[in-house]
Protein backbone atom coordinates (compact mmCIF):
# COMPACT_ATOMS: atom_id res chain seq x y z
CA UNK A 1 3.63 -8.50 23.29
CA UNK A 2 5.25 -11.52 21.51
CA UNK A 3 4.10 -11.96 17.88
CA UNK A 4 2.13 -15.24 17.90
CA UNK A 5 3.36 -15.77 14.30
CA UNK A 6 6.78 -16.36 15.54
CA UNK A 7 5.84 -19.71 16.81
CA UNK A 8 5.79 -20.79 13.32
CA UNK A 9 9.41 -20.09 12.59
CA UNK A 10 11.11 -23.20 11.20
CA UNK A 11 7.87 -25.01 10.75
CA UNK A 12 6.16 -25.98 7.53
CA UNK A 13 2.92 -24.06 6.90
CA UNK A 14 -0.15 -23.43 4.73
CA UNK A 15 -0.62 -19.83 4.06
CA UNK A 16 -3.70 -18.07 2.48
CA UNK A 17 -3.22 -14.42 1.25
CA UNK A 18 -5.49 -11.81 -0.39
CA UNK A 19 -6.80 -13.14 -3.77
CA UNK A 20 -7.39 -16.67 -2.62
CA UNK A 21 -3.72 -17.40 -3.07
CA UNK A 22 -2.15 -20.24 -1.21
CA UNK A 23 1.46 -21.19 -0.31
CA UNK A 24 3.13 -24.01 1.36
CA UNK A 25 6.62 -23.62 2.73
CA UNK A 26 8.90 -23.14 5.64
CA UNK A 27 8.62 -19.98 7.77
CA UNK A 28 12.03 -18.46 7.73
CA UNK A 29 11.38 -15.20 9.73
CA UNK A 30 8.58 -13.07 11.00
CA UNK A 31 8.72 -9.31 11.53
CA UNK A 32 6.14 -6.85 12.77
CA UNK A 33 4.57 -6.31 9.30
CA UNK A 34 6.03 -9.18 7.01
CA UNK A 35 6.47 -12.84 6.98
CA UNK A 36 9.18 -14.76 5.09
CA UNK A 37 8.51 -18.16 3.53
CA UNK A 38 10.76 -20.59 1.75
CA UNK A 39 8.63 -22.86 -0.56
CA UNK A 40 11.63 -24.98 -1.68
CA UNK A 41 12.33 -23.07 -4.77
CA UNK A 42 12.30 -19.37 -3.67
CA UNK A 43 11.89 -17.01 -0.85
CA UNK A 44 8.58 -15.14 -0.55
CA UNK A 45 8.35 -11.87 1.37
CA UNK A 46 4.68 -11.38 2.25
CA UNK A 47 3.36 -8.29 3.85
CA UNK A 48 1.16 -9.25 6.85
CA UNK A 49 -1.67 -6.97 5.72
CA UNK A 50 -2.40 -9.55 3.12
CA UNK A 51 -2.19 -12.58 5.37
CA UNK A 52 -5.58 -14.13 5.76
CA UNK A 53 -4.69 -17.33 7.69
CA UNK A 54 -1.77 -19.60 8.52
CA UNK A 55 -1.65 -23.16 10.03
CA UNK A 56 1.03 -25.68 10.44
CA UNK A 57 1.37 -28.30 7.59
CA UNK A 58 1.42 -31.80 9.11
CA UNK A 59 -0.08 -33.99 6.58
CA UNK A 60 2.55 -33.60 3.84
CA UNK A 61 6.21 -34.15 4.07
CA UNK A 62 7.96 -31.23 2.56
CA UNK A 63 11.58 -31.13 1.41
CA UNK A 64 12.89 -27.44 1.89
CA UNK A 65 16.36 -26.89 0.82
CA UNK A 66 18.51 -24.55 2.90
CA UNK A 67 19.05 -21.86 0.38
CA UNK A 68 20.88 -18.70 1.18
CA UNK A 69 18.45 -15.74 1.54
CA UNK A 70 18.93 -13.34 -1.47
CA UNK A 71 18.62 -10.44 0.89
CA UNK A 72 20.66 -9.52 3.82
CA UNK A 73 18.18 -10.31 6.48
CA UNK A 74 19.90 -8.99 9.67
CA UNK A 75 18.34 -7.97 12.97
CA UNK A 76 14.47 -7.33 12.87
CA UNK A 77 13.01 -7.39 9.39
CA UNK A 78 10.23 -5.26 8.20
CA UNK A 79 8.28 -4.56 4.96
CA UNK A 80 9.84 -1.25 4.33
CA UNK A 81 13.48 -2.53 5.25
CA UNK A 82 12.93 -5.47 2.78
CA UNK A 83 12.00 -3.03 -0.04
CA UNK A 84 15.01 -0.94 0.63
CA UNK A 85 17.30 -4.08 0.69
CA UNK A 86 15.70 -5.18 -2.53
CA UNK A 87 16.48 -1.98 -4.29
CA UNK A 88 18.51 -2.67 -7.52
CA UNK A 89 18.28 -6.36 -7.29
CA UNK A 90 16.26 -8.46 -9.76
CA UNK A 91 12.89 -9.29 -8.21
CA UNK A 92 9.55 -10.74 -8.94
CA UNK A 93 6.54 -9.06 -7.40
CA UNK A 94 2.77 -9.73 -7.38
CA UNK A 95 0.34 -6.96 -7.17
CA UNK A 96 -2.81 -7.29 -9.35
CA UNK A 97 -4.58 -9.52 -11.81
CA UNK A 98 -3.09 -13.08 -12.46
CA UNK A 99 0.41 -12.19 -13.45
CA UNK A 100 3.52 -11.27 -11.65
CA UNK A 101 5.93 -8.43 -12.76
CA UNK A 102 9.84 -8.92 -13.06
CA UNK A 103 12.20 -6.01 -12.68
CA UNK A 104 13.98 -3.87 -10.22
CA UNK A 105 12.90 -1.54 -7.40
CA UNK A 106 14.46 1.89 -7.86
CA UNK A 107 12.93 3.95 -5.12
CA UNK A 108 10.90 3.63 -1.96
CA UNK A 109 8.67 6.68 -0.92
CA UNK A 110 6.17 7.11 1.97
CA UNK A 111 3.40 4.97 0.58
CA UNK A 112 4.51 3.73 -2.77
CA UNK A 113 7.59 2.53 -4.66
CA UNK A 114 8.99 3.04 -8.06
CA UNK A 115 9.56 -0.26 -10.01
CA UNK A 116 11.43 -0.65 -13.45
CA UNK A 117 10.12 -3.46 -15.50
CA UNK A 118 11.51 -4.33 -18.98
CA UNK A 119 7.79 -4.87 -20.20
CA UNK A 120 5.94 -1.94 -18.59
CA UNK A 121 8.90 0.36 -18.04
CA UNK A 122 8.40 2.62 -14.94
CA UNK A 123 5.61 1.55 -12.57
CA UNK A 124 4.54 3.46 -9.42
CA UNK A 125 3.04 0.89 -6.99
CA UNK A 126 1.03 1.48 -3.78
CA UNK A 127 2.67 -0.01 -0.71
CA UNK A 128 -0.87 -1.14 0.35
CA UNK A 129 -1.24 -3.49 -2.52
CA UNK A 130 2.05 -5.54 -2.97
CA UNK A 131 0.97 -9.15 -2.10
CA UNK A 132 4.45 -10.82 -2.16
CA UNK A 133 8.10 -10.23 -3.47
CA UNK A 134 10.68 -12.79 -4.48
CA UNK A 135 14.34 -11.75 -4.85
CA UNK A 136 16.48 -13.82 -7.29
CA UNK A 137 19.99 -14.69 -7.09
CA UNK A 138 22.64 -12.22 -8.30
CA UNK A 139 23.39 -14.20 -11.52
CA UNK A 140 19.87 -13.82 -12.97
CA UNK A 141 18.55 -11.03 -15.13
CA UNK A 142 14.97 -10.49 -16.52
CA UNK A 143 14.37 -12.63 -19.52
CA UNK A 144 18.17 -13.38 -19.63
CA UNK A 145 18.71 -9.80 -21.09
CA UNK A 146 22.33 -8.46 -20.95
CA UNK A 147 23.09 -5.28 -19.06
CA UNK A 148 23.43 -3.53 -22.52
CA UNK A 149 19.90 -4.80 -23.41
CA UNK A 150 18.46 -3.88 -19.97
CA UNK A 151 19.21 -0.32 -19.14
CA UNK A 152 17.33 0.69 -15.99
CA UNK A 153 15.85 3.93 -17.04
CA UNK A 154 14.12 5.64 -14.02
CA UNK A 155 11.22 7.93 -15.16
CA UNK A 156 12.31 11.50 -15.53
CA UNK A 157 9.12 12.39 -13.68
CA UNK A 158 10.03 14.08 -10.36
CA UNK A 159 9.09 11.86 -7.44
CA UNK A 160 6.67 13.03 -4.85
CA UNK A 161 6.52 11.84 -1.22
CA UNK A 162 3.09 10.12 -1.50
CA UNK A 163 1.15 8.17 -4.07
CA UNK A 164 -1.55 10.82 -4.43
CA UNK A 165 0.94 13.58 -4.96
CA UNK A 166 2.74 11.45 -7.59
CA UNK A 167 -0.68 11.12 -9.35
CA UNK A 168 -1.03 14.83 -9.37
CA UNK A 169 2.28 15.22 -11.19
CA UNK A 170 0.83 13.07 -13.92
CA UNK A 171 -2.27 15.14 -14.62
CA UNK A 172 -2.73 15.76 -18.27
CA UNK A 173 -0.93 12.58 -19.25
CA UNK A 174 -2.26 9.27 -20.59
CA UNK A 175 -1.97 6.67 -17.99
CA UNK A 176 -2.63 2.93 -17.30
CA UNK A 177 -3.98 1.75 -13.89
CA UNK A 178 -3.43 -1.84 -12.50
CA UNK A 179 -1.60 -3.00 -15.77
CA UNK A 180 -4.84 -2.35 -17.70
CA UNK A 181 -6.54 -5.32 -16.19
CA UNK A 182 -9.85 -3.79 -17.08
CA UNK A 183 -10.97 -1.82 -20.13
CA UNK A 184 -11.81 1.32 -17.98
CA UNK A 185 -8.41 1.65 -16.35
CA UNK A 186 -6.60 3.62 -18.92
CA UNK A 187 -7.06 7.18 -20.26
CA UNK A 188 -6.27 10.73 -19.71
CA UNK A 189 -5.63 11.64 -16.00
CA UNK A 190 -7.71 14.83 -15.88
CA UNK A 191 -7.23 15.54 -12.18
CA UNK A 192 -7.23 14.20 -8.62
CA UNK A 193 -8.91 15.77 -5.60
CA UNK A 194 -9.71 14.37 -2.07
CA UNK A 195 -8.51 10.86 -3.13
CA UNK A 196 -10.78 10.89 -6.16
CA UNK A 197 -9.29 10.52 -9.61
CA UNK A 198 -10.89 11.79 -12.76
CA UNK A 199 -9.89 9.55 -15.83
CA UNK A 200 -11.19 10.33 -19.39
CA UNK A 201 -11.48 7.27 -21.43
CA UNK A 202 -10.87 7.06 -25.37
CA UNK A 203 -14.52 7.54 -26.00
CA UNK A 204 -14.64 10.78 -24.01
CA UNK A 205 -16.49 9.29 -21.14
CA UNK A 206 -15.34 10.23 -17.71
CA UNK A 207 -14.93 7.73 -14.87
CA UNK A 208 -13.85 8.44 -11.36
CA UNK A 209 -11.55 6.12 -9.29
CA UNK A 210 -10.87 6.19 -5.49
CA UNK A 211 -7.04 6.55 -5.39
CA UNK A 212 -6.57 3.95 -2.50
CA UNK A 213 -7.90 1.19 -4.83
CA UNK A 214 -5.44 1.92 -7.53
CA UNK A 215 -2.60 -0.46 -7.22
CA UNK A 216 -0.24 0.44 -10.03
CA UNK A 217 0.09 3.22 -12.48
CA UNK A 218 2.32 3.67 -15.47
CA UNK A 219 2.59 5.74 -18.68
CA UNK A 220 1.93 3.87 -21.95
């Protein structure tokens, strides 16, 4: 069956994604599980799981420059292929809260990927919760840091195949969920079982989180 979203390729559109976020731009490509948008300044790779609605923009005349795609978009694109192609490139991603994260994808696993940020260091990010990704051109580095000032230091924690297995490897450590966007998302990761995380907060109170709803995790 033909993907109906392909009819928007080369057209200007309005897009709404999860979190009441809106974009206007030109559809560059559509894959089975991802759509690529050029908003005139950058390319946005948006997993379709977060697409709420899309419609053609006819009321506003948009000037979209013909920029070269920062990724090698050959053949049929997909979400996982995009992440693999973005490895080692400077990218901006949006996952949670009201702020994006800048850095590098270092590994892509079954249902999560590992991201190195100069601010947060090593982040483990669920594939289910990435809202969009923007690759930058090869001449840019985060915060204009030099290569000497920006060593990409992958975590020395052995990587597991799944997000939940990775969480189990972090039992007994202090962790931060979702960039600490709420006061009760940091503490001692006591354990995880049947997708339920036991987190002990600074005051000794225990809170349980459903692992599916944890978007990112990093060590403070």
